[in-house]
């Protein structure tokens, strides 16, 4: 297997596993077995190990001595860390993106927010929310920064799905509208301040685990 082909398979495996972890299909603490995954994707262990490294870099998996690779658990301190990192990096991206934001981009971001407001489930809301943030940040022209923000959004989505997979209620995102209003007026400082506060907000909800027990789940809702 060539290195390029192995890399392509590894990317596909890591993307599929990340989606399953984020959606809660694979629970925190579950072991990721190389042999089972290699068999599922019809490949050797080499790209599977690379996929595991990608998941670890995203904070979705952890390699533990004598226990193999497991889906990373998370707690309130991790949710707060991701929120603070997002606030810092998204404000940085916005400061560089703002001069390149056109009326067309802002209109598209507004449509994404409107779509989120009428979402009937957490997954479609998260898709719209992520689209809004990417639209206003991508023009920064800093691909490494955007890649880092994308990884943090994946972590945010995991927290979100853990808390609000069921009993989702539609909501109006007033922060998104305030950010857009400030950007339309070219008030970048105000837009950045609202954005930072927006992504730092953490919600809490009691949820039932697979074993029937109840635990508190925390989510970044922004």
C-alpha atoms as a PDB file:
ATOM      1  CA  UNK A   1       0.000   0.000   0.000  1.00  0.00           C
ATOM      2  CA  UNK A   2       1.495   3.331  -1.012  1.00  0.00           C
ATOM      3  CA  UNK A   3       1.843   6.111   1.564  1.00  0.00           C
ATOM      4  CA  UNK A   4      -0.575   8.366  -0.337  1.00  0.00           C
ATOM      5  CA  UNK A   5      -3.233   5.642  -0.533  1.00  0.00           C
ATOM      6  CA  UNK A   6      -2.770   4.784   3.149  1.00  0.00           C
ATOM      7  CA  UNK A   7      -3.165   8.472   4.020  1.00  0.00           C
ATOM      8  CA  UNK A   8      -6.396   8.715   2.011  1.00  0.00           C
ATOM      9  CA  UNK A   9      -7.882   5.663   3.738  1.00  0.00           C
ATOM     10  CA  UNK A  10      -6.765   6.965   7.136  1.00  0.00           C
ATOM     11  CA  UNK A  11      -8.531  10.276   6.521  1.00  0.00           C
ATOM     12  CA  UNK A  12     -11.738   8.458   5.543  1.00  0.00           C
ATOM     13  CA  UNK A  13     -11.597   6.162   8.579  1.00  0.00           C
ATOM     14  CA  UNK A  14     -10.922   9.034  10.974  1.00  0.00           C
ATOM     15  CA  UNK A  15     -13.796  11.050   9.472  1.00  0.00           C
ATOM     16  CA  UNK A  16     -16.274   8.181   9.830  1.00  0.00           C
ATOM     17  CA  UNK A  17     -15.182   7.389  13.391  1.00  0.00           C
ATOM     18  CA  UNK A  18     -15.236  11.078  14.332  1.00  0.00           C
ATOM     19  CA  UNK A  19     -18.805  11.375  13.069  1.00  0.00           C
ATOM     20  CA  UNK A  20     -19.832   8.349  15.135  1.00  0.00           C
ATOM     21  CA  UNK A  21     -18.122   9.663  18.263  1.00  0.00           C
ATOM     22  CA  UNK A  22     -19.528  13.168  17.874  1.00  0.00           C
ATOM     23  CA  UNK A  23     -23.045  11.830  17.311  1.00  0.00           C
ATOM     24  CA  UNK A  24     -22.762   9.649  20.426  1.00  0.00           C
ATOM     25  CA  UNK A  25     -22.973   6.380  18.475  1.00  0.00           C
ATOM     26  CA  UNK A  26     -19.705   5.349  20.146  1.00  0.00           C
ATOM     27  CA  UNK A  27     -19.826   6.237  23.839  1.00  0.00           C
ATOM     28  CA  UNK A  28     -17.031   7.792  25.933  1.00  0.00           C
ATOM     29  CA  UNK A  29     -14.672   5.113  27.221  1.00  0.00           C
ATOM     30  CA  UNK A  30     -15.500   2.630  24.463  1.00  0.00           C
ATOM     31  CA  UNK A  31     -12.480   0.820  23.044  1.00  0.00           C
ATOM     32  CA  UNK A  32     -11.603   1.336  19.393  1.00  0.00           C
ATOM     33  CA  UNK A  33     -10.353  -2.040  18.201  1.00  0.00           C
ATOM     34  CA  UNK A  34      -7.841  -1.933  15.368  1.00  0.00           C
ATOM     35  CA  UNK A  35      -8.718  -5.376  14.043  1.00  0.00           C
ATOM     36  CA  UNK A  36     -12.469  -4.717  13.899  1.00  0.00           C
ATOM     37  CA  UNK A  37     -12.032  -1.341  12.216  1.00  0.00           C
ATOM     38  CA  UNK A  38      -9.470  -2.675   9.728  1.00  0.00           C
ATOM     39  CA  UNK A  39     -11.905  -5.451   8.812  1.00  0.00           C
ATOM     40  CA  UNK A  40     -14.816  -3.015   8.447  1.00  0.00           C
ATOM     41  CA  UNK A  41     -12.888  -0.813   6.029  1.00  0.00           C
ATOM     42  CA  UNK A  42     -11.085  -3.652   4.278  1.00  0.00           C
ATOM     43  CA  UNK A  43      -7.613  -2.365   5.034  1.00  0.00           C
ATOM     44  CA  UNK A  44      -4.484  -3.095   7.060  1.00  0.00           C
ATOM     45  CA  UNK A  45      -3.730  -1.800  10.546  1.00  0.00           C
ATOM     46  CA  UNK A  46      -1.439   0.933   9.202  1.00  0.00           C
ATOM     47  CA  UNK A  47      -4.125   3.458   8.126  1.00  0.00           C
ATOM     48  CA  UNK A  48      -6.212   2.543  11.176  1.00  0.00           C
ATOM     49  CA  UNK A  49      -3.354   3.548  13.470  1.00  0.00           C
ATOM     50  CA  UNK A  50      -2.975   6.801  11.532  1.00  0.00           C
ATOM     51  CA  UNK A  51      -6.733   7.391  11.870  1.00  0.00           C
ATOM     52  CA  UNK A  52      -6.414   6.876  15.622  1.00  0.00           C
ATOM     53  CA  UNK A  53      -3.633   9.481  15.753  1.00  0.00           C
ATOM     54  CA  UNK A  54      -5.908  11.931  13.932  1.00  0.00           C
ATOM     55  CA  UNK A  55      -8.705  11.273  16.422  1.00  0.00           C
ATOM     56  CA  UNK A  56      -6.285  11.831  19.315  1.00  0.00           C
ATOM     57  CA  UNK A  57      -5.182  15.140  17.779  1.00  0.00           C
ATOM     58  CA  UNK A  58      -8.846  16.178  17.692  1.00  0.00           C
ATOM     59  CA  UNK A  59      -9.305  15.207  21.337  1.00  0.00           C
ATOM     60  CA  UNK A  60     -11.810  12.503  20.405  1.00  0.00           C
ATOM     61  CA  UNK A  61      -9.698   9.490  21.400  1.00  0.00           C
ATOM     62  CA  UNK A  62      -6.967   8.668  23.892  1.00  0.00           C
ATOM     63  CA  UNK A  63      -4.279   6.006  23.848  1.00  0.00           C
ATOM     64  CA  UNK A  64      -3.922   4.347  27.244  1.00  0.00           C
ATOM     65  CA  UNK A  65      -1.133   1.949  28.272  1.00  0.00           C
ATOM     66  CA  UNK A  66      -2.357  -1.669  28.250  1.00  0.00           C
ATOM     67  CA  UNK A  67      -5.906  -0.494  27.459  1.00  0.00           C
ATOM     68  CA  UNK A  68      -5.500   0.456  23.813  1.00  0.00           C
ATOM     69  CA  UNK A  69      -7.236   3.400  22.175  1.00  0.00           C
ATOM     70  CA  UNK A  70     -10.515   4.513  23.700  1.00  0.00           C
ATOM     71  CA  UNK A  71     -13.053   7.215  22.994  1.00  0.00           C
ATOM     72  CA  UNK A  72     -12.152  10.202  25.142  1.00  0.00           C
ATOM     73  CA  UNK A  73     -14.450  11.059  28.015  1.00  0.00           C
ATOM     74  CA  UNK A  74     -15.128  14.694  28.777  1.00  0.00           C
ATOM     75  CA  UNK A  75     -16.076  16.826  31.741  1.00  0.00           C
ATOM     76  CA  UNK A  76     -16.918  20.439  32.505  1.00  0.00           C
ATOM     77  CA  UNK A  77     -13.260  21.519  32.603  1.00  0.00           C
ATOM     78  CA  UNK A  78     -12.774  20.252  29.042  1.00  0.00           C
ATOM     79  CA  UNK A  79     -15.941  21.967  27.842  1.00  0.00           C
ATOM     80  CA  UNK A  80     -14.679  25.218  29.358  1.00  0.00           C
ATOM     81  CA  UNK A  81     -11.258  24.766  27.785  1.00  0.00           C
ATOM     82  CA  UNK A  82     -12.773  24.306  24.325  1.00  0.00           C
ATOM     83  CA  UNK A  83     -15.016  27.346  24.855  1.00  0.00           C
ATOM     84  CA  UNK A  84     -12.057  29.534  25.826  1.00  0.00           C
ATOM     85  CA  UNK A  85      -9.967  28.293  22.918  1.00  0.00           C
ATOM     86  CA  UNK A  86     -12.799  28.914  20.488  1.00  0.00           C
ATOM     87  CA  UNK A  87     -13.309  32.420  21.838  1.00  0.00           C
ATOM     88  CA  UNK A  88      -9.640  33.301  21.366  1.00  0.00           C
ATOM     89  CA  UNK A  89      -9.200  31.721  17.933  1.00  0.00           C
ATOM     90  CA  UNK A  90     -12.533  32.802  16.448  1.00  0.00           C
ATOM     91  CA  UNK A  91     -11.977  36.408  17.488  1.00  0.00           C
ATOM     92  CA  UNK A  92      -8.529  36.256  15.876  1.00  0.00           C
ATOM     93  CA  UNK A  93     -10.032  34.827  12.680  1.00  0.00           C
ATOM     94  CA  UNK A  94     -12.815  37.406  12.641  1.00  0.00           C
ATOM     95  CA  UNK A  95     -10.364  40.295  12.994  1.00  0.00           C
ATOM     96  CA  UNK A  96      -8.599  39.127   9.821  1.00  0.00           C
ATOM     97  CA  UNK A  97     -11.791  38.124   7.997  1.00  0.00           C
ATOM     98  CA  UNK A  98     -13.763  41.322   8.615  1.00  0.00           C
ATOM     99  CA  UNK A  99     -12.166  43.423   5.838  1.00  0.00           C
ATOM    100  CA  UNK A 100     -13.123  40.721   3.326  1.00  0.00           C
ATOM    101  CA  UNK A 101     -16.728  40.161   4.410  1.00  0.00           C
ATOM    102  CA  UNK A 102     -19.087  41.211   1.633  1.00  0.00           C
ATOM    103  CA  UNK A 103     -22.805  41.880   1.835  1.00  0.00           C
ATOM    104  CA  UNK A 104     -23.356  38.590  -0.008  1.00  0.00           C
ATOM    105  CA  UNK A 105     -21.402  36.645   2.637  1.00  0.00           C
ATOM    106  CA  UNK A 106     -23.282  38.336   5.471  1.00  0.00           C
ATOM    107  CA  UNK A 107     -26.601  37.628   3.753  1.00  0.00           C
ATOM    108  CA  UNK A 108     -25.620  33.975   3.435  1.00  0.00           C
ATOM    109  CA  UNK A 109     -24.663  33.886   7.122  1.00  0.00           C
ATOM    110  CA  UNK A 110     -28.042  35.380   7.994  1.00  0.00           C
ATOM    111  CA  UNK A 111     -29.775  32.634   6.008  1.00  0.00           C
ATOM    112  CA  UNK A 112     -27.764  30.032   7.932  1.00  0.00           C
ATOM    113  CA  UNK A 113     -28.961  31.555  11.197  1.00  0.00           C
ATOM    114  CA  UNK A 114     -32.570  31.559  10.023  1.00  0.00           C
ATOM    115  CA  UNK A 115     -32.234  27.887   9.097  1.00  0.00           C
ATOM    116  CA  UNK A 116     -30.915  27.157  12.579  1.00  0.00           C
ATOM    117  CA  UNK A 117     -33.836  28.962  14.187  1.00  0.00           C
ATOM    118  CA  UNK A 118     -36.333  26.545  12.611  1.00  0.00           C
ATOM    119  CA  UNK A 119     -34.269  23.363  13.045  1.00  0.00           C
ATOM    120  CA  UNK A 120     -36.263  20.510  14.534  1.00  0.00           C
ATOM    121  CA  UNK A 121     -33.307  18.494  15.805  1.00  0.00           C
ATOM    122  CA  UNK A 122     -29.887  19.132  17.253  1.00  0.00           C
ATOM    123  CA  UNK A 123     -27.964  17.813  14.234  1.00  0.00           C
ATOM    124  CA  UNK A 124     -29.570  20.177  11.715  1.00  0.00           C
ATOM    125  CA  UNK A 125     -29.180  23.070  14.181  1.00  0.00           C
ATOM    126  CA  UNK A 126     -25.491  22.274  14.614  1.00  0.00           C
ATOM    127  CA  UNK A 127     -25.002  22.151  10.840  1.00  0.00           C
ATOM    128  CA  UNK A 128     -26.547  25.618  10.483  1.00  0.00           C
ATOM    129  CA  UNK A 129     -24.607  26.976  13.446  1.00  0.00           C
ATOM    130  CA  UNK A 130     -21.299  25.696  12.111  1.00  0.00           C
ATOM    131  CA  UNK A 131     -22.107  27.116   8.676  1.00  0.00           C
ATOM    132  CA  UNK A 132     -22.730  30.561  10.185  1.00  0.00           C
ATOM    133  CA  UNK A 133     -19.397  30.591  11.998  1.00  0.00           C
ATOM    134  CA  UNK A 134     -17.452  29.295   8.999  1.00  0.00           C
ATOM    135  CA  UNK A 135     -18.980  31.878   6.669  1.00  0.00           C
ATOM    136  CA  UNK A 136     -17.869  34.840   8.768  1.00  0.00           C
ATOM    137  CA  UNK A 137     -14.449  33.366   9.664  1.00  0.00           C
ATOM    138  CA  UNK A 138     -13.209  31.634   6.496  1.00  0.00           C
ATOM    139  CA  UNK A 139     -12.334  34.906   4.665  1.00  0.00           C
ATOM    140  CA  UNK A 140      -9.489  35.387   7.159  1.00  0.00           C
ATOM    141  CA  UNK A 141      -7.350  33.482   4.643  1.00  0.00           C
ATOM    142  CA  UNK A 142      -5.536  31.511   7.376  1.00  0.00           C
ATOM    143  CA  UNK A 143      -6.108  27.800   6.650  1.00  0.00           C
ATOM    144  CA  UNK A 144      -4.260  26.481   9.713  1.00  0.00           C
ATOM    145  CA  UNK A 145      -6.301  28.707  11.977  1.00  0.00           C
ATOM    146  CA  UNK A 146      -9.554  27.595  10.331  1.00  0.00           C
ATOM    147  CA  UNK A 147      -8.490  23.930  10.618  1.00  0.00           C
ATOM    148  CA  UNK A 148      -7.897  24.408  14.356  1.00  0.00           C
ATOM    149  CA  UNK A 149     -11.305  26.087  14.734  1.00  0.00           C
ATOM    150  CA  UNK A 150     -12.922  23.229  12.793  1.00  0.00           C
ATOM    151  CA  UNK A 151     -11.466  20.722  15.279  1.00  0.00           C
ATOM    152  CA  UNK A 152     -12.838  22.771  18.169  1.00  0.00           C
ATOM    153  CA  UNK A 153     -16.262  22.894  16.501  1.00  0.00           C
ATOM    154  CA  UNK A 154     -16.175  19.101  16.291  1.00  0.00           C
ATOM    155  CA  UNK A 155     -15.548  18.956  20.037  1.00  0.00           C
ATOM    156  CA  UNK A 156     -18.343  21.470  20.629  1.00  0.00           C
ATOM    157  CA  UNK A 157     -20.709  19.346  18.540  1.00  0.00           C
ATOM    158  CA  UNK A 158     -19.882  16.299  20.637  1.00  0.00           C
ATOM    159  CA  UNK A 159     -20.728  18.142  23.849  1.00  0.00           C
ATOM    160  CA  UNK A 160     -23.897  19.459  22.235  1.00  0.00           C
ATOM    161  CA  UNK A 161     -25.132  16.064  21.041  1.00  0.00           C
ATOM    162  CA  UNK A 162     -24.374  14.491  24.434  1.00  0.00           C
ATOM    163  CA  UNK A 163     -26.730  16.935  26.139  1.00  0.00           C
ATOM    164  CA  UNK A 164     -29.393  17.654  23.530  1.00  0.00           C
ATOM    165  CA  UNK A 165     -29.674  14.536  21.357  1.00  0.00           C
ATOM    166  CA  UNK A 166     -33.346  14.375  22.389  1.00  0.00           C
ATOM    167  CA  UNK A 167     -35.824  16.972  23.645  1.00  0.00           C
ATOM    168  CA  UNK A 168     -34.415  19.613  21.315  1.00  0.00           C
ATOM    169  CA  UNK A 169     -36.327  22.877  21.282  1.00  0.00           C
ATOM    170  CA  UNK A 170     -36.198  25.453  18.525  1.00  0.00           C
ATOM    171  CA  UNK A 171     -34.500  28.689  19.530  1.00  0.00           C
ATOM    172  CA  UNK A 172     -33.737  32.098  18.099  1.00  0.00           C
ATOM    173  CA  UNK A 173     -30.041  32.935  18.057  1.00  0.00           C
ATOM    174  CA  UNK A 174     -30.003  36.614  19.010  1.00  0.00           C
ATOM    175  CA  UNK A 175     -26.196  36.622  19.269  1.00  0.00           C
ATOM    176  CA  UNK A 176     -25.792  35.697  15.613  1.00  0.00           C
ATOM    177  CA  UNK A 177     -28.045  38.560  14.619  1.00  0.00           C
ATOM    178  CA  UNK A 178     -26.157  40.986  16.857  1.00  0.00           C
ATOM    179  CA  UNK A 179     -22.834  39.863  15.351  1.00  0.00           C
ATOM    180  CA  UNK A 180     -24.186  40.393  11.837  1.00  0.00           C
ATOM    181  CA  UNK A 181     -25.587  43.812  12.733  1.00  0.00           C
ATOM    182  CA  UNK A 182     -22.197  44.909  14.086  1.00  0.00           C
ATOM    183  CA  UNK A 183     -20.378  43.566  11.026  1.00  0.00           C
ATOM    184  CA  UNK A 184     -22.758  45.380   8.674  1.00  0.00           C
ATOM    185  CA  UNK A 185     -21.889  48.600  10.506  1.00  0.00           C
ATOM    186  CA  UNK A 186     -18.170  47.729  10.316  1.00  0.00           C
ATOM    187  CA  UNK A 187     -18.011  47.714  14.133  1.00  0.00           C
ATOM    188  CA  UNK A 188     -15.479  44.905  14.378  1.00  0.00           C
ATOM    189  CA  UNK A 189     -14.758  45.395  18.082  1.00  0.00           C
ATOM    190  CA  UNK A 190     -18.431  44.983  18.963  1.00  0.00           C
ATOM    191  CA  UNK A 191     -18.788  41.935  16.692  1.00  0.00           C
ATOM    192  CA  UNK A 192     -15.710  40.325  18.264  1.00  0.00           C
ATOM    193  CA  UNK A 193     -16.940  40.991  21.816  1.00  0.00           C
ATOM    194  CA  UNK A 194     -20.340  39.445  21.083  1.00  0.00           C
ATOM    195  CA  UNK A 195     -18.706  36.468  19.365  1.00  0.00           C
ATOM    196  CA  UNK A 196     -16.379  35.806  22.306  1.00  0.00           C
ATOM    197  CA  UNK A 197     -19.249  35.928  24.805  1.00  0.00           C
ATOM    198  CA  UNK A 198     -21.387  33.807  22.487  1.00  0.00           C
ATOM    199  CA  UNK A 199     -18.988  30.846  22.227  1.00  0.00           C
ATOM    200  CA  UNK A 200     -18.149  30.932  25.941  1.00  0.00           C
ATOM    201  CA  UNK A 201     -21.757  30.228  26.943  1.00  0.00           C
ATOM    202  CA  UNK A 202     -22.128  26.703  28.366  1.00  0.00           C
ATOM    203  CA  UNK A 203     -25.465  24.957  28.814  1.00  0.00           C
ATOM    204  CA  UNK A 204     -26.250  22.165  31.265  1.00  0.00           C
ATOM    205  CA  UNK A 205     -28.828  19.403  31.157  1.00  0.00           C
ATOM    206  CA  UNK A 206     -29.383  16.110  33.017  1.00  0.00           C
ATOM    207  CA  UNK A 207     -29.342  13.160  30.602  1.00  0.00           C
ATOM    208  CA  UNK A 208     -29.806   9.406  30.939  1.00  0.00           C
ATOM    209  CA  UNK A 209     -26.893   7.139  30.100  1.00  0.00           C
ATOM    210  CA  UNK A 210     -27.141   3.801  28.299  1.00  0.00           C
ATOM    211  CA  UNK A 211     -27.203   2.080  31.708  1.00  0.00           C
ATOM    212  CA  UNK A 212     -30.242   4.111  32.762  1.00  0.00           C
ATOM    213  CA  UNK A 213     -28.400   6.337  35.220  1.00  0.00           C
ATOM    214  CA  UNK A 214     -28.673  10.129  35.137  1.00  0.00           C
ATOM    215  CA  UNK A 215     -25.699  12.442  34.809  1.00  0.00           C
ATOM    216  CA  UNK A 216     -25.201  16.133  34.083  1.00  0.00           C
ATOM    217  CA  UNK A 217     -24.111  16.937  30.544  1.00  0.00           C
ATOM    218  CA  UNK A 218     -22.564  20.241  29.511  1.00  0.00           C
ATOM    219  CA  UNK A 219     -22.567  21.756  26.055  1.00  0.00           C
ATOM    220  CA  UNK A 220     -21.254  24.815  24.260  1.00  0.00           C
ATOM    221  CA  UNK A 221     -24.339  26.201  22.607  1.00  0.00           C
ATOM    222  CA  UNK A 222     -22.936  28.725  20.170  1.00  0.00           C
END
